[in-house]
N, C-alpha and C. Protein backbone atom coordinates (compact mmCIF):
# COMPACT_ATOMS: atom_id res chain seq x y z
N MET A 1 -18.79 -3.61 -9.21
CA MET A 1 -17.37 -3.33 -8.20
C MET A 1 -17.27 -4.30 -7.11
N SER A 2 -16.18 -5.23 -7.02
CA SER A 2 -16.37 -5.70 -5.84
C SER A 2 -15.90 -5.04 -4.71
N THR A 3 -16.41 -5.40 -3.41
CA THR A 3 -15.89 -4.76 -2.24
C THR A 3 -14.34 -4.93 -2.01
N GLU A 4 -13.80 -6.18 -2.25
CA GLU A 4 -12.34 -6.33 -2.06
C GLU A 4 -11.48 -5.17 -3.10
N LYS A 5 -11.95 -5.07 -4.16
CA LYS A 5 -11.43 -4.18 -5.15
C LYS A 5 -11.43 -2.45 -4.75
N LYS A 6 -12.77 -2.31 -4.17
CA LYS A 6 -12.77 -1.25 -3.58
C LYS A 6 -11.85 -0.85 -2.24
N GLN A 7 -11.87 -1.78 -1.57
CA GLN A 7 -11.06 -1.85 -0.51
C GLN A 7 -9.72 -1.49 -0.86
N ILE A 8 -8.94 -2.38 -1.76
CA ILE A 8 -7.49 -2.09 -2.10
C ILE A 8 -7.45 -0.43 -2.68
N ILE A 9 -8.39 -0.08 -3.41
CA ILE A 9 -8.08 1.51 -3.77
C ILE A 9 -8.38 2.21 -2.79
N SER A 10 -9.28 2.10 -1.62
CA SER A 10 -9.50 3.08 -0.71
C SER A 10 -8.15 3.01 0.33
N ASP A 11 -7.88 1.92 0.63
CA ASP A 11 -6.60 1.77 1.27
C ASP A 11 -5.36 2.59 0.65
N MET A 12 -5.34 2.65 -0.42
CA MET A 12 -4.21 3.33 -1.40
C MET A 12 -4.56 4.47 -1.25
N ILE A 13 -5.72 5.11 -1.41
CA ILE A 13 -6.00 6.51 -1.25
C ILE A 13 -5.68 7.10 0.12
N GLY A 14 -6.10 6.28 1.08
CA GLY A 14 -5.95 6.45 2.40
C GLY A 14 -4.38 6.83 2.92
N LEU A 15 -3.49 5.90 2.29
CA LEU A 15 -2.24 6.06 2.49
C LEU A 15 -1.50 7.42 1.76
N ALA A 16 -1.98 7.46 0.44
CA ALA A 16 -1.55 8.63 -0.27
C ALA A 16 -1.71 9.97 0.31
N LYS A 17 -3.08 9.85 1.13
CA LYS A 17 -3.29 11.20 1.56
C LYS A 17 -2.78 11.49 3.03
N ALA A 18 -1.95 10.33 3.51
CA ALA A 18 -1.44 10.41 4.89
C ALA A 18 -0.54 11.87 5.23
N ASP A 19 0.05 12.40 3.94
CA ASP A 19 1.00 13.22 4.16
C ASP A 19 -0.06 14.68 3.98
N ASN A 20 -1.22 14.73 3.74
CA ASN A 20 -2.31 15.63 3.40
C ASN A 20 -2.13 16.40 2.08
N VAL A 21 -1.57 15.36 1.13
CA VAL A 21 -1.47 15.75 -0.24
C VAL A 21 -1.41 14.62 -1.04
N LEU A 22 -2.29 14.35 -2.14
CA LEU A 22 -2.49 13.37 -3.17
C LEU A 22 -1.78 13.83 -4.27
N HIS A 23 -0.35 13.58 -4.41
CA HIS A 23 0.36 13.90 -5.23
C HIS A 23 0.03 13.43 -7.01
N GLU A 24 0.19 14.20 -7.81
CA GLU A 24 -0.28 13.71 -9.16
C GLU A 24 0.38 12.06 -9.55
N ARG A 25 1.67 11.91 -9.30
CA ARG A 25 2.22 10.63 -9.38
C ARG A 25 1.38 9.44 -8.68
N GLU A 26 1.12 9.60 -7.50
CA GLU A 26 0.58 8.91 -6.61
C GLU A 26 -0.92 8.25 -7.10
N TYR A 27 -1.56 9.66 -7.48
CA TYR A 27 -2.92 9.49 -8.28
C TYR A 27 -2.76 8.59 -9.49
N GLU A 28 -1.83 8.86 -10.39
CA GLU A 28 -1.59 8.28 -11.50
C GLU A 28 -1.24 6.64 -11.53
N PHE A 29 -0.65 6.38 -10.31
CA PHE A 29 -0.31 5.02 -9.79
C PHE A 29 -1.51 4.29 -9.36
N ILE A 30 -2.53 5.08 -8.37
CA ILE A 30 -3.56 4.40 -7.94
C ILE A 30 -4.55 4.18 -9.25
N LEU A 31 -4.58 4.81 -10.10
CA LEU A 31 -5.38 4.70 -11.41
C LEU A 31 -4.83 3.61 -11.93
N ALA A 32 -3.68 3.50 -12.11
CA ALA A 32 -2.85 2.19 -12.77
C ALA A 32 -3.40 1.12 -12.21
N VAL A 33 -3.24 1.14 -11.00
CA VAL A 33 -3.80 0.01 -9.94
C VAL A 33 -5.22 -0.55 -10.29
N ALA A 34 -5.98 0.50 -10.29
CA ALA A 34 -7.61 0.64 -10.30
C ALA A 34 -7.79 -0.14 -11.46
N ALA A 35 -7.45 0.33 -12.80
CA ALA A 35 -7.33 -0.23 -14.07
C ALA A 35 -7.02 -1.68 -14.32
N ARG A 36 -5.96 -1.87 -13.72
CA ARG A 36 -5.68 -3.47 -13.53
C ARG A 36 -6.89 -4.14 -12.97
N LEU A 37 -7.55 -3.70 -11.68
CA LEU A 37 -8.48 -4.11 -10.92
C LEU A 37 -9.83 -4.31 -11.85
N GLY A 38 -9.87 -3.51 -13.00
CA GLY A 38 -11.27 -3.09 -13.58
C GLY A 38 -11.95 -2.21 -13.04
N LEU A 39 -11.47 -1.52 -12.16
CA LEU A 39 -12.12 -0.35 -11.70
C LEU A 39 -11.82 0.97 -12.72
N SER A 40 -12.79 1.99 -12.47
CA SER A 40 -12.71 3.15 -13.81
C SER A 40 -12.28 4.40 -12.89
N LYS A 41 -11.85 5.41 -13.53
CA LYS A 41 -11.51 6.64 -12.95
C LYS A 41 -12.71 7.26 -12.06
N THR A 42 -13.74 6.90 -12.24
CA THR A 42 -15.13 7.43 -11.49
C THR A 42 -14.83 6.75 -10.31
N ASP A 43 -14.84 5.40 -10.59
CA ASP A 43 -14.68 4.77 -9.07
C ASP A 43 -13.66 4.94 -8.03
N VAL A 44 -12.64 5.33 -8.62
CA VAL A 44 -11.54 6.09 -7.74
C VAL A 44 -11.79 7.44 -7.13
N ASP A 45 -12.36 8.26 -8.00
CA ASP A 45 -12.85 9.57 -7.60
C ASP A 45 -14.05 9.17 -6.29
N THR A 46 -14.81 8.46 -6.62
CA THR A 46 -15.87 8.31 -5.64
C THR A 46 -15.30 7.46 -4.45
N LEU A 47 -14.33 6.78 -4.56
CA LEU A 47 -13.49 6.36 -3.19
C LEU A 47 -12.79 7.53 -2.66
N HIS A 48 -12.30 8.28 -3.34
CA HIS A 48 -11.32 9.35 -3.20
C HIS A 48 -12.20 10.44 -1.96
N ALA A 49 -13.59 10.59 -2.60
CA ALA A 49 -14.51 11.53 -1.76
C ALA A 49 -15.29 10.74 -0.75
N ARG A 50 -15.59 9.46 -0.45
CA ARG A 50 -15.98 8.76 0.13
C ARG A 50 -15.37 7.12 0.40
N PRO A 51 -14.11 7.36 1.34
CA PRO A 51 -13.15 6.12 1.49
C PRO A 51 -13.95 5.18 2.41
N LEU A 52 -13.86 4.00 2.22
CA LEU A 52 -14.20 2.98 2.70
C LEU A 52 -13.43 2.75 4.23
N LYS A 53 -13.93 2.32 5.41
CA LYS A 53 -13.24 1.96 6.46
C LYS A 53 -12.47 0.84 6.27
N VAL A 54 -11.23 1.06 6.83
CA VAL A 54 -10.33 -0.10 6.81
C VAL A 54 -10.74 -1.45 7.03
N ASN A 55 -10.56 -2.50 6.26
CA ASN A 55 -11.28 -3.70 6.67
C ASN A 55 -10.30 -4.73 6.25
N VAL A 56 -9.82 -5.86 6.88
CA VAL A 56 -8.74 -6.58 6.54
C VAL A 56 -9.11 -7.62 5.29
N LEU A 57 -8.39 -7.71 4.52
CA LEU A 57 -8.41 -8.96 3.33
C LEU A 57 -8.57 -10.01 3.91
N THR A 58 -8.89 -10.98 3.39
CA THR A 58 -9.14 -12.44 3.81
C THR A 58 -8.11 -13.30 3.78
N THR A 59 -7.47 -13.45 2.71
CA THR A 59 -5.99 -14.35 2.86
C THR A 59 -4.68 -13.60 2.93
N GLU A 60 -3.79 -14.49 3.45
CA GLU A 60 -2.57 -13.91 3.69
C GLU A 60 -1.89 -13.15 2.46
N LEU A 61 -2.01 -13.97 1.38
CA LEU A 61 -1.57 -13.74 0.38
C LEU A 61 -1.91 -12.08 -0.30
N GLN A 62 -3.53 -12.02 -0.28
CA GLN A 62 -3.90 -10.95 -0.21
C GLN A 62 -3.41 -9.73 0.57
N ARG A 63 -3.22 -9.75 1.72
CA ARG A 63 -2.70 -9.00 2.86
C ARG A 63 -1.29 -8.44 2.36
N ILE A 64 -0.57 -9.54 2.14
CA ILE A 64 1.05 -9.25 2.01
C ILE A 64 1.01 -8.21 0.42
N SER A 65 0.28 -8.82 -0.63
CA SER A 65 -0.09 -8.21 -1.61
C SER A 65 -0.42 -6.51 -1.57
N GLN A 66 -1.51 -6.36 -0.70
CA GLN A 66 -1.79 -5.02 -0.55
C GLN A 66 -0.90 -4.33 0.28
N PHE A 67 -0.06 -4.98 1.20
CA PHE A 67 1.09 -4.03 1.83
C PHE A 67 2.15 -4.07 0.88
N HIS A 68 2.34 -4.88 -0.25
CA HIS A 68 3.64 -4.30 -1.11
C HIS A 68 2.91 -3.32 -1.81
N ARG A 69 1.57 -3.23 -2.37
CA ARG A 69 1.20 -2.14 -3.14
C ARG A 69 1.18 -0.69 -2.45
N LEU A 70 0.93 -0.82 -1.35
CA LEU A 70 0.97 0.30 -0.25
C LEU A 70 2.24 1.00 -0.05
N LEU A 71 3.38 0.04 0.15
CA LEU A 71 4.91 0.39 -0.02
C LEU A 71 5.28 1.18 -1.30
N LEU A 72 5.11 0.41 -2.55
CA LEU A 72 5.05 0.94 -4.01
C LEU A 72 4.52 2.48 -4.05
N LEU A 73 3.31 2.57 -3.43
CA LEU A 73 2.50 3.68 -3.79
C LEU A 73 3.28 4.63 -2.62
N MET A 74 3.66 4.47 -1.47
CA MET A 74 4.30 5.30 -0.59
C MET A 74 5.57 5.99 -1.30
N ASN A 75 6.41 5.18 -2.10
CA ASN A 75 7.54 5.64 -2.67
C ASN A 75 7.44 6.20 -4.13
N VAL A 76 6.35 6.12 -4.63
CA VAL A 76 6.24 6.57 -6.24
C VAL A 76 6.53 7.81 -6.24
N ASP A 77 6.23 8.78 -5.26
CA ASP A 77 6.46 10.30 -5.49
C ASP A 77 8.31 10.62 -5.03
N GLN A 78 8.76 9.68 -4.54
CA GLN A 78 10.15 9.70 -4.14
C GLN A 78 10.42 10.64 -2.95
N GLU A 79 9.31 10.59 -2.09
CA GLU A 79 9.44 11.46 -1.04
C GLU A 79 8.61 10.72 0.07
N THR A 80 9.54 10.33 1.23
CA THR A 80 8.77 9.57 2.18
C THR A 80 8.72 10.56 3.52
N HIS A 81 7.44 10.82 3.80
CA HIS A 81 7.19 11.52 5.25
C HIS A 81 7.03 10.85 6.30
N PHE A 82 7.32 11.29 7.21
CA PHE A 82 7.11 10.50 8.59
C PHE A 82 5.62 10.02 8.84
N THR A 83 4.69 10.85 8.23
CA THR A 83 3.23 10.60 8.49
C THR A 83 2.93 9.27 7.72
N GLU A 84 3.57 9.26 6.30
CA GLU A 84 3.24 8.19 5.60
C GLU A 84 3.86 6.77 5.90
N LEU A 85 5.34 6.88 7.01
CA LEU A 85 5.49 5.68 7.35
C LEU A 85 4.86 5.52 8.48
N ASP A 86 4.29 6.28 9.15
CA ASP A 86 3.58 5.82 10.51
C ASP A 86 2.27 5.11 9.72
N ALA A 87 1.47 5.66 8.66
CA ALA A 87 0.40 5.17 8.27
C ALA A 87 0.41 3.99 7.53
N LEU A 88 1.71 3.58 7.05
CA LEU A 88 1.93 2.32 6.41
C LEU A 88 2.12 1.43 7.51
N ARG A 89 2.82 1.57 8.55
CA ARG A 89 2.94 0.97 9.75
C ARG A 89 1.65 0.48 10.18
N ASN A 90 0.86 1.51 10.45
CA ASN A 90 -0.80 1.17 10.94
C ASN A 90 -1.26 0.22 10.09
N TYR A 91 -1.33 0.54 8.61
CA TYR A 91 -2.12 -0.32 7.57
C TYR A 91 -1.52 -1.80 7.74
N GLY A 92 -0.01 -1.88 7.94
CA GLY A 92 0.37 -3.16 7.81
C GLY A 92 -0.06 -3.80 9.25
N LEU A 93 0.01 -3.10 10.43
CA LEU A 93 -0.62 -4.11 11.57
C LEU A 93 -2.23 -4.43 11.50
N LYS A 94 -3.13 -3.24 10.72
CA LYS A 94 -4.29 -3.81 10.56
C LYS A 94 -4.52 -4.77 9.63
N LEU A 95 -3.66 -5.00 8.73
CA LEU A 95 -3.62 -6.20 7.57
C LEU A 95 -3.02 -7.50 8.28
N GLY A 96 -2.89 -7.33 9.43
CA GLY A 96 -2.17 -8.59 10.03
C GLY A 96 -0.62 -8.86 9.71
N ILE A 97 0.00 -7.94 9.29
CA ILE A 97 1.66 -8.13 9.12
C ILE A 97 2.25 -8.22 10.17
N ARG A 98 3.07 -8.92 10.22
CA ARG A 98 3.97 -8.86 11.74
C ARG A 98 5.03 -7.83 11.64
N PRO A 99 4.91 -6.94 12.94
CA PRO A 99 5.64 -5.87 13.30
C PRO A 99 7.30 -6.12 12.72
N GLU A 100 7.63 -7.00 12.91
CA GLU A 100 8.98 -7.27 12.47
C GLU A 100 9.36 -7.03 11.36
N ALA A 101 8.47 -7.81 10.42
CA ALA A 101 8.51 -7.76 8.89
C ALA A 101 8.63 -6.30 8.52
N ILE A 102 7.43 -5.86 9.08
CA ILE A 102 7.30 -4.23 8.57
C ILE A 102 8.67 -3.46 8.69
N GLU A 103 9.08 -3.44 10.19
CA GLU A 103 10.30 -2.87 10.60
C GLU A 103 11.59 -3.14 9.49
N GLN A 104 11.97 -4.48 9.20
CA GLN A 104 12.71 -4.85 8.40
C GLN A 104 12.40 -4.46 6.87
N ILE A 105 11.38 -4.25 6.30
CA ILE A 105 11.26 -4.03 5.01
C ILE A 105 11.30 -2.44 4.86
N LEU A 106 10.89 -1.70 6.15
CA LEU A 106 11.07 -0.07 5.79
C LEU A 106 12.46 -0.11 6.45
N SER A 107 13.23 -0.65 7.03
CA SER A 107 14.67 -0.31 7.36
C SER A 107 15.72 -0.55 6.01
N GLU A 108 15.25 -1.68 5.04
CA GLU A 108 15.83 -2.04 3.77
C GLU A 108 15.52 -1.27 2.53
N MET A 109 14.43 -0.32 3.20
CA MET A 109 13.99 0.59 1.76
C MET A 109 14.94 1.28 1.11
N ASP A 110 15.98 2.11 2.14
CA ASP A 110 17.04 2.90 1.64
C ASP A 110 17.99 2.24 1.10
N ASP A 111 18.22 0.92 1.10
CA ASP A 111 19.31 0.31 0.68
C ASP A 111 19.10 0.05 -0.97
N HIS A 112 17.92 0.37 -1.70
CA HIS A 112 17.42 -0.02 -2.84
C HIS A 112 17.32 1.34 -3.70
N GLU A 113 17.41 1.08 -4.96
CA GLU A 113 17.12 2.28 -5.88
C GLU A 113 15.88 2.65 -5.98
N HIS A 114 15.48 3.97 -5.48
CA HIS A 114 14.13 4.60 -5.45
C HIS A 114 13.31 4.15 -4.34
N LYS A 115 14.24 3.62 -3.33
CA LYS A 115 13.56 2.69 -2.08
C LYS A 115 12.55 1.60 -2.71
N MET A 116 12.68 1.06 -3.77
CA MET A 116 11.73 -0.08 -4.17
C MET A 116 12.56 -1.32 -4.06
N ILE A 117 12.13 -2.03 -3.04
CA ILE A 117 12.68 -3.32 -2.73
C ILE A 117 12.15 -4.28 -3.67
N PRO A 118 13.27 -5.04 -4.25
CA PRO A 118 12.69 -6.15 -5.30
C PRO A 118 11.83 -7.24 -4.71
N SER A 119 10.76 -7.70 -5.37
CA SER A 119 9.71 -8.41 -5.03
C SER A 119 10.25 -9.70 -4.42
N ASP A 120 11.52 -10.26 -5.00
CA ASP A 120 11.93 -11.42 -4.45
C ASP A 120 12.57 -11.17 -3.13
N ARG A 121 13.32 -10.15 -2.75
CA ARG A 121 13.53 -9.81 -1.59
C ARG A 121 12.58 -9.83 -0.35
N LEU A 122 11.32 -8.97 -0.92
CA LEU A 122 9.98 -9.16 0.15
C LEU A 122 9.58 -10.48 0.35
N VAL A 123 9.81 -11.44 -0.62
CA VAL A 123 9.28 -12.54 -0.43
C VAL A 123 10.35 -13.19 0.59
N GLU A 124 11.28 -13.15 0.46
CA GLU A 124 12.46 -13.72 1.55
C GLU A 124 12.01 -13.22 2.79
N ILE A 125 11.82 -11.81 2.82
CA ILE A 125 11.35 -11.32 4.41
C ILE A 125 10.25 -12.09 4.87
N PHE A 126 9.09 -12.07 3.95
CA PHE A 126 7.87 -12.67 4.42
C PHE A 126 8.18 -14.04 4.91
N LYS A 127 8.99 -14.67 4.28
CA LYS A 127 9.03 -16.19 4.46
C LYS A 127 9.89 -16.25 5.54
N ARG A 128 10.83 -15.74 6.06
CA ARG A 128 11.36 -15.44 7.14
C ARG A 128 10.79 -15.58 8.65
N PHE A 129 9.52 -14.53 8.30
CA PHE A 129 8.78 -14.26 9.45
C PHE A 129 7.63 -14.79 9.64
N TYR A 130 7.18 -15.68 8.44
CA TYR A 130 6.04 -16.59 8.54
C TYR A 130 6.32 -17.72 8.25
N ASN A 131 7.35 -18.34 8.46
CA ASN A 131 7.52 -20.00 8.47
C ASN A 131 8.18 -20.30 9.95
């Protein structure tokens, strides 16, 4: 199992637990992402018990993709807590996402069904702040 894949799942678990509860829908979403990355349920459970320290992914595309995964995860239970928003902001900053992009994304969430910003709109936001 690659360190990068572990990091992706560990970060997702960390965000999911920001409100001190790992909801079943969040866990299922994490398992689905892990499966796509080639990780098992046992791998996920191990990372849940022993999370990795946050480590920045190497490329801009990896960091933006991880932020998007974390955004989707935050909204999967359809409850957004202040602690989750704060955790997402902090993860975004640690990933090197510009604060202006983070705030625009968070402010637009409520404009979309289930708070899920379409990927094409996310691309527009990132292009605006990264070009």
